[in-house]
Amino acid sequence: MCSVGSGAGVRRSGICALLLLFLFPALSTAGVSKIKDVRIADRGDSTRIVFDLTSPAKHKVFVLSNPHRVVLDIDRCSANGKLSSIKAKSTLLKSLRYAQKSPQQLRVVLDLHAAVAPKSWLLAPANGKGHRLVLDLSSKVKQPSAKPVLAMPATSRGKRDAIIAIDAGHGGKDPGAVGRRGTHEKAIVLSIAKRLKKLIDKERGMRAVMIRNRDTYVPLRTRISKASRLNADLFISIHADASVNRSAKGSSVYVLSQRGATSEAARILAQRENAVDKIGGVSLDDKDKVLKSVLVDLSQTATIDASIDLAEDILYELGAIGNLLHKRVEQAGFAVLKSPDIPSVLVETAFISNPQEEQRLRTHAHQQKLAVAILKGIRRYLKDHAQSDMLLASSGSAGRHVIRRGETLSAIANYYQVGVGELRRANALKSDKIRVGQVLKIPASTGT
């Protein structure tokens, strides 16, 4: 023990004071809890923030207004460098700020969009998780009932048409390929596209939308975004091939290559503020780089698989009316095929550079045959891939459902009146994660 006295005692007190100076930092930080991680869950009219701690810590919460804020003071807690990288944004939460007021206290300030009612509590270690401080922010303003993401009809009479986007290649200042007789690709493919639209619109359960319906120039990426705005289920781009070899002939069908998908994924990830930065209805803005990459990759892969099925069906029908350049579906990095969540194909109807095929392309009869063949291919594809909310969906006690943007497993289960667990078991799903283009088997409804 250190004591104060005369002579030797004074010297001992000086030594004690020196020792205390060296020991103070260790004493001041001993028993300080550190933040290991922070998790934020946006629930629309509420936000939950979970602080993972190395040990329990006392805290207090209070609310400020003008502007709206919630202040969280945590005793004997260190930010541990974990708060500086948090992107704290949600329906209610604008941002998160913090200050290490002393080794004894950490202050976290939550800037809000509106007034909230906060609740907080500590959780002891359980189920493999450590100490946690939970802060719930609930909106004081009653939110209007949210419309379901999955807008499905209640009866078969409300089932929708499959929407087919038809893209006539080139146009306006871009004539495309030009044949020996001066035939412009842009004019031929527009004529075929219009014929295809008329055929589709006569079909029960189908509706066609035109990317361009006159001689205008439409940028390639605008074609993709327009199809997305129109909620297209399929995207068909119509072209006429050309080659320096005038004997080249035959039809071909292309889908996006994996390399093209990879480059498109990189573009999407690089352009944060692009409207295309939503994959499967999920915004990529607040996702980290790894999660963004996974979401884009899953969506692209599923869409390419569906596109190949569609392309094979169209190629089969084209082979019935003429020559095929390739007897299998080709893959390339065409820009118009790069929609991340709409099955897309590019049809090269014939070689406009081949004199015989140019002549056939100029005739209304052959244009009609090409349009009919493409329609039959679409019809064949939708027979097996129509979503169950479409008129074209097959009837029966069990069916199929192709995942679209914004859909969730629970919403799909609710629509078909089956349990989420039943849906998972029927499709051997290990979790509720689904991807755009994925085909689900729908078990027979139990009515519950």
Protein backbone atom coordinates (compact mmCIF):
# COMPACT_ATOMS: atom_id res chain seq x y z
CA MET A 1 0.00 0.00 0.00
CA CYS A 2 1.21 3.52 -0.77
CA SER A 3 1.04 6.08 2.06
CA VAL A 4 2.09 9.70 2.58
CA GLY A 5 4.65 10.52 5.27
CA SER A 6 7.93 12.25 5.97
CA GLY A 7 11.36 11.23 4.70
CA ALA A 8 11.24 7.79 3.11
CA GLY A 9 7.46 7.99 3.10
CA VAL A 10 7.57 11.04 0.85
CA ARG A 11 9.83 9.19 -1.57
CA ARG A 12 7.46 6.19 -1.55
CA SER A 13 4.51 8.45 -2.33
CA GLY A 14 6.37 9.87 -5.31
CA ILE A 15 7.01 6.37 -6.63
CA CYS A 16 3.34 5.47 -6.13
CA ALA A 17 2.26 8.56 -8.07
CA LEU A 18 4.56 7.62 -10.92
CA LEU A 19 3.23 4.08 -10.98
CA LEU A 20 -0.34 5.37 -11.11
CA LEU A 21 0.49 7.51 -14.13
CA PHE A 22 1.77 4.44 -16.00
CA LEU A 23 -1.14 2.29 -14.88
CA PHE A 24 -3.93 4.82 -15.62
CA PRO A 25 -4.44 3.99 -19.32
CA ALA A 26 -4.78 0.31 -18.53
CA LEU A 27 -7.09 1.00 -15.62
CA SER A 28 -9.22 3.39 -17.68
CA THR A 29 -9.80 0.87 -20.49
CA ALA A 30 -10.15 -2.25 -18.37
CA GLY A 31 -13.62 -3.76 -18.65
CA VAL A 32 -14.56 -1.64 -21.68
CA SER A 33 -16.96 -3.39 -24.06
CA LYS A 34 -16.08 -3.24 -27.75
CA ILE A 35 -18.41 -3.22 -30.74
CA LYS A 36 -17.82 -6.29 -32.92
CA ASP A 37 -20.44 -5.59 -35.56
CA VAL A 38 -23.55 -3.53 -36.32
CA ARG A 39 -26.56 -4.87 -38.23
CA ILE A 40 -29.44 -2.76 -39.55
CA ALA A 41 -32.78 -4.21 -40.69
CA ASP A 42 -35.28 -1.98 -42.54
CA ARG A 43 -38.88 -3.04 -41.94
CA GLY A 44 -40.65 -0.13 -43.62
CA ASP A 45 -42.34 1.57 -40.67
CA SER A 46 -39.63 0.39 -38.27
CA THR A 47 -35.87 -0.09 -38.22
CA ARG A 48 -33.92 -2.46 -35.97
CA ILE A 49 -30.27 -1.79 -35.15
CA VAL A 50 -28.28 -4.52 -33.39
CA PHE A 51 -24.89 -3.78 -31.83
CA ASP A 52 -22.82 -6.94 -31.22
CA LEU A 53 -20.70 -6.36 -28.10
CA THR A 54 -17.80 -8.16 -26.46
CA SER A 55 -19.47 -7.75 -23.05
CA PRO A 56 -22.67 -6.23 -21.61
CA ALA A 57 -22.81 -2.43 -21.33
CA LYS A 58 -25.20 0.00 -19.69
CA HIS A 59 -26.85 2.49 -21.99
CA LYS A 60 -29.48 5.18 -22.22
CA VAL A 61 -31.55 6.51 -25.13
CA PHE A 62 -33.18 9.89 -25.63
CA VAL A 63 -34.94 11.68 -28.49
CA LEU A 64 -34.26 15.12 -29.99
CA SER A 65 -36.31 17.10 -32.52
CA ASN A 66 -35.71 19.88 -35.07
CA PRO A 67 -34.19 17.89 -36.70
CA HIS A 68 -35.37 14.46 -35.58
CA ARG A 69 -32.63 12.44 -33.88
CA VAL A 70 -32.19 9.56 -31.48
CA VAL A 71 -29.13 9.62 -29.22
CA LEU A 72 -27.71 6.42 -27.76
CA ASP A 73 -25.11 6.70 -24.98
CA ILE A 74 -23.28 3.46 -24.15
CA ASP A 75 -21.22 3.37 -20.96
CA ARG A 76 -17.72 1.91 -20.99
CA CYS A 77 -17.90 1.07 -24.71
CA SER A 78 -15.46 1.48 -27.60
CA ALA A 79 -16.52 1.93 -31.23
CA ASN A 80 -13.56 -0.31 -32.09
CA GLY A 81 -13.47 1.12 -35.62
CA LYS A 82 -16.72 -0.67 -36.54
CA LEU A 83 -19.01 2.35 -36.88
CA SER A 84 -17.04 4.33 -39.46
CA SER A 85 -17.84 1.89 -42.28
CA ILE A 86 -21.56 1.48 -41.54
CA LYS A 87 -23.89 2.66 -44.32
CA ALA A 88 -26.84 3.48 -42.13
CA LYS A 89 -29.78 4.15 -44.43
CA SER A 90 -33.34 2.91 -44.16
CA THR A 91 -36.91 4.14 -44.56
CA LEU A 92 -36.60 5.95 -41.21
CA LEU A 93 -32.84 6.36 -40.88
CA LYS A 94 -30.84 9.04 -42.72
CA SER A 95 -27.41 8.44 -41.27
CA LEU A 96 -25.41 7.35 -38.25
CA ARG A 97 -22.79 9.46 -36.46
CA TYR A 98 -20.76 8.70 -33.40
CA ALA A 99 -18.21 10.19 -31.02
CA GLN A 100 -15.96 8.50 -28.50
CA LYS A 101 -16.55 11.03 -25.74
CA SER A 102 -14.09 9.23 -23.46
CA PRO A 103 -12.93 5.67 -22.82
CA GLN A 104 -15.92 5.64 -20.52
CA GLN A 105 -18.64 6.59 -22.99
CA LEU A 106 -19.58 6.17 -26.65
CA ARG A 107 -22.29 8.40 -28.14
CA VAL A 108 -24.16 7.28 -31.26
CA VAL A 109 -26.45 9.79 -33.01
CA LEU A 110 -29.08 8.53 -35.46
CA ASP A 111 -30.35 11.18 -37.90
CA LEU A 112 -33.94 10.45 -38.91
CA HIS A 113 -36.41 11.24 -41.67
CA ALA A 114 -39.29 11.51 -39.20
CA ALA A 115 -40.19 11.26 -35.53
CA VAL A 116 -39.82 7.79 -34.01
CA ALA A 117 -40.52 5.96 -30.76
CA PRO A 118 -37.31 4.15 -29.71
CA LYS A 119 -37.09 0.99 -27.62
CA SER A 120 -33.87 -0.67 -26.47
CA TRP A 121 -32.76 -3.72 -24.52
CA LEU A 122 -29.76 -5.98 -23.91
CA LEU A 123 -29.62 -9.62 -24.93
CA ALA A 124 -27.39 -12.17 -23.23
CA PRO A 125 -25.36 -14.66 -25.30
CA ALA A 126 -27.57 -17.37 -26.85
CA ASN A 127 -27.67 -19.66 -29.89
CA GLY A 128 -24.06 -18.97 -30.78
CA LYS A 129 -24.50 -15.18 -30.58
CA GLY A 130 -22.75 -12.96 -28.07
CA HIS A 131 -23.89 -9.94 -26.09
CA ARG A 132 -26.20 -7.67 -28.07
CA LEU A 133 -27.70 -4.23 -27.63
CA VAL A 134 -30.93 -3.94 -29.65
CA LEU A 135 -32.45 -0.59 -30.63
CA ASP A 136 -35.85 -0.53 -32.34
CA LEU A 137 -37.08 2.65 -34.02
CA SER A 138 -40.81 2.70 -34.79
CA SER A 139 -42.48 5.42 -36.84
CA LYS A 140 -44.92 7.62 -34.96
CA VAL A 141 -46.76 8.28 -38.21
CA LYS A 142 -49.15 5.54 -39.23
CA GLN A 143 -48.00 4.22 -42.60
CA PRO A 144 -50.53 3.50 -45.34
CA SER A 145 -50.98 -0.16 -46.08
CA ALA A 146 -48.26 -1.16 -48.49
CA LYS A 147 -49.32 -2.66 -51.76
CA PRO A 148 -48.02 -6.21 -52.13
CA VAL A 149 -44.94 -6.50 -54.30
CA LEU A 150 -46.56 -9.47 -55.97
CA ALA A 151 -49.67 -8.05 -57.65
CA MET A 152 -51.49 -11.29 -58.45
CA PRO A 153 -55.15 -11.65 -59.34
CA ALA A 154 -57.63 -13.29 -56.98
CA THR A 155 -59.43 -15.26 -59.68
CA SER A 156 -58.59 -16.74 -63.06
CA ARG A 157 -60.65 -14.00 -64.71
CA GLY A 158 -58.04 -11.52 -63.49
CA LYS A 159 -55.07 -13.39 -64.91
CA ARG A 160 -52.81 -11.36 -67.11
CA ASP A 161 -51.39 -11.54 -70.61
CA ALA A 162 -47.78 -12.44 -71.26
CA ILE A 163 -46.09 -9.26 -72.51
CA ILE A 164 -43.73 -9.69 -75.45
CA ALA A 165 -41.41 -6.79 -76.32
CA ILE A 166 -40.59 -6.76 -80.03
CA ASP A 167 -37.45 -4.90 -81.01
CA ALA A 168 -37.02 -4.12 -84.71
CA GLY A 169 -33.26 -3.67 -85.07
CA HIS A 170 -31.57 -0.46 -86.21
CA GLY A 171 -33.78 2.40 -87.48
CA GLY A 172 -33.54 6.10 -88.31
CA LYS A 173 -29.95 7.17 -88.95
CA ASP A 174 -28.84 3.54 -88.59
CA PRO A 175 -29.96 1.56 -91.68
CA GLY A 176 -28.28 -1.66 -90.59
CA ALA A 177 -27.04 -3.94 -93.34
CA VAL A 178 -27.81 -3.04 -96.97
CA GLY A 179 -28.42 -5.67 -99.66
CA ARG A 180 -27.16 -5.58 -103.26
CA ARG A 181 -30.57 -4.32 -104.39
CA GLY A 182 -30.44 -1.50 -101.85
CA THR A 183 -32.69 -3.23 -99.33
CA HIS A 184 -32.27 -1.69 -95.87
CA GLU A 185 -32.26 -4.06 -92.92
CA LYS A 186 -34.10 -1.49 -90.77
CA ALA A 187 -37.12 -1.50 -93.11
CA ILE A 188 -37.34 -5.27 -93.49
CA VAL A 189 -37.13 -6.04 -89.78
CA LEU A 190 -39.70 -3.34 -88.92
CA SER A 191 -42.12 -4.94 -91.35
CA ILE A 192 -41.55 -8.39 -89.80
CA ALA A 193 -41.90 -6.91 -86.31
CA LYS A 194 -45.26 -5.33 -87.15
CA ARG A 195 -46.51 -8.62 -88.59
CA LEU A 196 -45.38 -10.43 -85.45
CA LYS A 197 -47.19 -7.92 -83.27
CA LYS A 198 -50.46 -8.47 -85.15
CA LEU A 199 -50.10 -12.23 -84.74
CA ILE A 200 -49.29 -12.01 -81.04
CA ASP A 201 -52.15 -9.65 -80.29
CA LYS A 202 -54.58 -12.20 -81.80
CA GLU A 203 -53.33 -14.88 -79.44
CA ARG A 204 -55.22 -15.53 -76.23
CA GLY A 205 -53.09 -14.58 -73.26
CA MET A 206 -50.41 -12.63 -75.17
CA ARG A 207 -49.84 -8.96 -75.81
CA ALA A 208 -47.07 -7.38 -77.88
CA VAL A 209 -45.36 -4.04 -77.30
CA MET A 210 -43.09 -2.41 -79.88
CA ILE A 211 -39.73 -0.93 -78.97
CA ARG A 212 -39.99 1.14 -82.15
CA ASN A 213 -42.98 1.22 -84.51
CA ARG A 214 -41.60 3.63 -87.10
CA ASP A 215 -38.30 4.58 -88.74
CA THR A 216 -36.63 6.08 -85.69
CA TYR A 217 -33.27 5.52 -84.05
CA VAL A 218 -33.40 4.04 -80.54
CA PRO A 219 -30.12 3.66 -78.58
CA LEU A 220 -29.35 0.07 -77.65
CA ARG A 221 -29.61 0.47 -73.90
CA THR A 222 -32.80 2.50 -74.27
CA ARG A 223 -34.33 -0.57 -75.90
CA ILE A 224 -33.56 -2.62 -72.79
CA SER A 225 -34.84 0.02 -70.37
CA LYS A 226 -38.06 0.48 -72.39
CA ALA A 227 -38.76 -3.25 -72.26
CA SER A 228 -38.24 -3.14 -68.50
CA ARG A 229 -40.58 -0.15 -68.10
CA LEU A 230 -43.23 -2.01 -70.08
CA ASN A 231 -42.90 -4.99 -67.70
CA ALA A 232 -42.01 -7.26 -70.60
CA ASP A 233 -41.85 -11.00 -69.94
CA LEU A 234 -39.82 -11.67 -73.11
CA PHE A 235 -37.65 -9.55 -75.41
CA ILE A 236 -37.36 -10.47 -79.11
CA SER A 237 -34.89 -8.47 -81.23
CA ILE A 238 -35.29 -8.98 -84.98
CA HIS A 239 -32.41 -8.49 -87.45
CA ALA A 240 -31.16 -9.54 -90.88
CA ASP A 241 -27.62 -10.90 -91.10
CA ALA A 242 -24.86 -9.84 -93.48
CA SER A 243 -21.52 -11.26 -94.55
CA VAL A 244 -18.74 -10.48 -97.00
CA ASN A 245 -19.33 -14.02 -98.22
CA ARG A 246 -22.43 -13.60 -100.38
CA SER A 247 -23.14 -17.31 -100.34
CA ALA A 248 -23.69 -17.28 -96.57
CA LYS A 249 -27.34 -18.08 -95.82
CA GLY A 250 -29.75 -19.22 -93.16
CA SER A 251 -31.37 -18.09 -89.93
CA SER A 252 -29.76 -18.04 -86.51
CA VAL A 253 -30.77 -17.14 -82.97
CA TYR A 254 -28.50 -15.62 -80.33
CA VAL A 255 -28.61 -15.19 -76.57
CA LEU A 256 -26.22 -13.36 -74.28
CA SER A 257 -22.87 -15.04 -73.74
CA GLN A 258 -21.49 -15.60 -70.26
CA ARG A 259 -18.65 -13.23 -71.13
CA GLY A 260 -21.19 -10.63 -72.20
CA ALA A 261 -23.06 -11.19 -68.95
CA THR A 262 -19.86 -10.72 -66.98
CA SER A 263 -19.07 -7.43 -68.71
CA GLU A 264 -22.65 -6.25 -68.20
CA ALA A 265 -22.48 -7.16 -64.54
CA ALA A 266 -19.32 -5.08 -64.25
CA ARG A 267 -21.07 -2.14 -65.95
CA ILE A 268 -24.08 -2.37 -63.64
CA LEU A 269 -21.86 -2.51 -60.59
CA ALA A 270 -19.83 0.48 -61.82
CA GLN A 271 -22.84 2.73 -62.41
CA ARG A 272 -24.44 3.11 -59.01
CA GLU A 273 -26.98 5.76 -59.99
CA ASN A 274 -28.18 4.08 -63.15
CA ALA A 275 -31.88 3.16 -63.12
CA VAL A 276 -30.88 -0.35 -64.17
CA ASP A 277 -29.25 -0.79 -60.76
CA LYS A 278 -32.13 -2.93 -59.58
CA ILE A 279 -31.81 -6.64 -59.95
CA GLY A 280 -34.90 -8.70 -59.38
CA GLY A 281 -36.58 -5.66 -57.90
CA VAL A 282 -33.79 -5.29 -55.35
CA SER A 283 -31.88 -2.01 -55.24
CA LEU A 284 -28.11 -2.46 -55.37
CA ASP A 285 -27.39 0.99 -53.99
CA ASP A 286 -26.97 -0.08 -50.38
CA LYS A 287 -25.31 -3.45 -50.99
CA ASP A 288 -21.62 -4.15 -50.61
CA LYS A 289 -19.53 -5.12 -53.65
CA VAL A 290 -19.61 -8.86 -52.98
CA LEU A 291 -23.39 -8.98 -52.50
CA LYS A 292 -23.96 -6.81 -55.59
CA SER A 293 -21.84 -9.18 -57.64
CA VAL A 294 -23.72 -12.24 -56.36
CA LEU A 295 -27.16 -10.70 -57.04
CA VAL A 296 -26.24 -9.66 -60.57
CA ASP A 297 -24.61 -13.01 -61.30
CA LEU A 298 -27.60 -15.03 -60.07
CA SER A 299 -30.04 -12.93 -62.07
CA GLN A 300 -27.93 -13.00 -65.23
CA THR A 301 -27.41 -16.77 -65.01
CA ALA A 302 -31.11 -17.52 -64.56
CA THR A 303 -32.05 -15.14 -67.38
CA ILE A 304 -29.51 -16.69 -69.77
CA ASP A 305 -30.90 -20.16 -69.02
CA ALA A 306 -34.45 -19.01 -69.78
CA SER A 307 -33.23 -17.17 -72.90
CA ILE A 308 -31.61 -20.34 -74.23
CA ASP A 309 -34.89 -22.24 -73.83
CA LEU A 310 -36.75 -19.50 -75.73
CA ALA A 311 -34.07 -19.35 -78.44
CA GLU A 312 -34.15 -23.12 -78.97
CA ASP A 313 -37.92 -23.05 -79.47
CA ILE A 314 -37.71 -20.20 -82.02
CA LEU A 315 -34.77 -21.82 -83.82
CA TYR A 316 -36.74 -25.06 -84.14
CA GLU A 317 -39.63 -23.25 -85.84
CA LEU A 318 -37.34 -21.23 -88.13
CA GLY A 319 -35.74 -24.49 -89.27
CA ALA A 320 -39.15 -25.66 -90.45
CA ILE A 321 -39.45 -22.83 -93.00
CA GLY A 322 -35.90 -22.48 -94.34
CA ASN A 323 -32.18 -22.96 -93.88
CA LEU A 324 -30.41 -22.55 -90.57
CA LEU A 325 -26.96 -21.03 -90.40
CA HIS A 326 -26.38 -22.81 -87.09
CA LYS A 327 -28.38 -25.76 -85.79
CA ARG A 328 -27.82 -24.68 -82.23
CA VAL A 329 -28.34 -21.46 -80.29
CA GLU A 330 -25.37 -19.11 -80.50
CA GLN A 331 -24.14 -16.88 -77.68
CA ALA A 332 -22.65 -13.41 -78.06
CA GLY A 333 -22.35 -10.11 -76.23
CA PHE A 334 -25.04 -8.15 -78.11
CA ALA A 335 -26.01 -5.07 -76.10
CA VAL A 336 -29.76 -5.54 -76.62
CA LEU A 337 -29.56 -8.96 -74.95
CA LYS A 338 -28.14 -7.61 -71.71
CA SER A 339 -31.30 -7.14 -69.69
CA PRO A 340 -30.44 -8.76 -66.35
CA ASP A 341 -33.92 -10.12 -65.70
CA ILE A 342 -35.87 -10.46 -68.99
CA PRO A 343 -35.28 -13.55 -71.16
CA SER A 344 -33.96 -12.03 -74.40
CA VAL A 345 -33.10 -13.40 -77.85
CA LEU A 346 -31.81 -11.90 -81.09
CA VAL A 347 -33.18 -13.45 -84.29
CA GLU A 348 -31.13 -13.16 -87.48
CA THR A 349 -33.93 -13.91 -89.94
CA ALA A 350 -31.75 -14.40 -93.05
CA PHE A 351 -28.71 -12.97 -94.87
CA ILE A 352 -29.63 -9.72 -96.58
CA SER A 353 -26.19 -9.91 -98.22
CA ASN A 354 -27.21 -13.12 -100.01
CA PRO A 355 -29.06 -12.18 -103.24
CA GLN A 356 -31.58 -15.04 -103.00
CA GLU A 357 -32.34 -14.43 -99.34
CA GLU A 358 -32.53 -10.66 -99.90
CA GLN A 359 -35.20 -11.30 -102.52
CA ARG A 360 -37.19 -13.51 -100.16
CA LEU A 361 -36.90 -10.96 -97.35
CA ARG A 362 -38.45 -8.33 -99.62
CA THR A 363 -41.63 -10.39 -100.13
CA HIS A 364 -44.60 -10.07 -97.82
CA ALA A 365 -45.15 -13.84 -97.94
CA HIS A 366 -41.71 -14.66 -96.53
CA GLN A 367 -41.92 -11.91 -93.93
CA GLN A 368 -45.20 -13.44 -92.77
CA LYS A 369 -43.63 -16.92 -92.61
CA LEU A 370 -40.82 -15.57 -90.42
CA ALA A 371 -43.29 -13.82 -88.12
CA VAL A 372 -45.39 -17.00 -87.81
CA ALA A 373 -42.28 -19.08 -87.03
CA ILE A 374 -41.21 -16.66 -84.27
CA LEU A 375 -44.75 -16.70 -82.85
CA LYS A 376 -44.78 -20.51 -82.78
CA GLY A 377 -41.46 -20.48 -80.95
CA ILE A 378 -42.82 -18.03 -78.36
CA ARG A 379 -45.97 -20.11 -78.02
CA ARG A 380 -43.91 -23.29 -77.54
CA TYR A 381 -41.77 -21.59 -74.88
CA LEU A 382 -44.71 -20.15 -72.94
CA LYS A 383 -46.46 -23.52 -72.92
CA ASP A 384 -43.78 -24.75 -70.50
CA HIS A 385 -42.61 -21.49 -68.95
CA ALA A 386 -45.75 -19.36 -68.52
CA GLN A 387 -46.06 -17.96 -65.04
CA SER A 388 -49.06 -19.21 -63.16
CA ASP A 389 -50.63 -15.74 -63.01
CA MET A 390 -50.82 -15.74 -66.81
CA LEU A 391 -53.80 -16.86 -68.86
CA LEU A 392 -51.45 -19.23 -70.67
CA ALA A 393 -50.51 -21.09 -67.51
CA SER A 394 -51.42 -24.75 -67.56
CA SER A 395 -54.34 -25.76 -65.38
CA GLY A 396 -54.29 -28.53 -62.79
CA SER A 397 -53.94 -29.10 -59.10
CA ALA A 398 -50.25 -28.33 -59.29
CA GLY A 399 -48.51 -25.88 -61.59
CA ARG A 400 -45.34 -23.93 -62.27
CA HIS A 401 -44.35 -20.38 -61.50
CA VAL A 402 -41.46 -18.46 -63.06
CA ILE A 403 -39.97 -15.94 -60.62
CA ARG A 404 -40.29 -12.30 -61.68
CA ARG A 405 -38.74 -9.11 -60.37
CA GLY A 406 -39.84 -8.19 -56.86
CA GLU A 407 -41.44 -11.52 -55.93
CA THR A 408 -40.84 -13.26 -52.60
CA LEU A 409 -41.38 -16.87 -51.62
CA SER A 410 -43.91 -15.93 -48.92
CA ALA A 411 -45.98 -13.80 -51.32
CA ILE A 412 -46.03 -16.61 -53.90
CA ALA A 413 -47.06 -19.12 -51.23
CA ASN A 414 -49.83 -16.80 -50.07
CA TYR A 415 -51.20 -16.39 -53.59
CA TYR A 416 -51.32 -20.13 -54.27
CA GLN A 417 -52.72 -20.83 -50.79
CA VAL A 418 -49.86 -23.15 -49.84
CA GLY A 419 -47.49 -22.99 -46.91
CA VAL A 420 -43.99 -21.59 -47.36
CA GLY A 421 -42.64 -24.86 -45.96
CA GLU A 422 -44.64 -26.86 -48.55
CA LEU A 423 -43.25 -24.66 -51.32
CA ARG A 424 -39.69 -25.13 -50.05
CA ARG A 425 -40.12 -28.92 -49.83
CA ALA A 426 -41.69 -29.18 -53.29
CA ASN A 427 -38.68 -27.38 -54.78
CA ALA A 428 -35.93 -28.74 -52.48
CA LEU A 429 -35.15 -25.20 -51.29
CA LYS A 430 -32.88 -24.87 -48.27
CA SER A 431 -33.98 -21.28 -47.60
CA ASP A 432 -36.44 -18.62 -48.78
CA LYS A 433 -33.95 -17.21 -51.29
CA ILE A 434 -35.20 -17.25 -54.88
CA ARG A 435 -33.91 -15.72 -58.11
CA VAL A 436 -35.45 -14.13 -61.19
CA GLY A 437 -36.14 -16.72 -63.91
CA GLN A 438 -36.19 -19.64 -61.47
CA VAL A 439 -39.12 -22.03 -62.07
CA LEU A 440 -41.01 -23.19 -58.98
CA LYS A 441 -43.25 -26.24 -58.77
CA ILE A 442 -46.50 -25.25 -57.09
CA PRO A 443 -47.93 -28.06 -54.93
CA ALA A 444 -51.67 -28.60 -54.76
CA SER A 445 -53.37 -26.08 -52.52
CA THR A 446 -54.53 -27.25 -49.11
CA GLY A 447 -56.75 -24.21 -48.77
CA THR A 448 -54.91 -23.01 -45.68
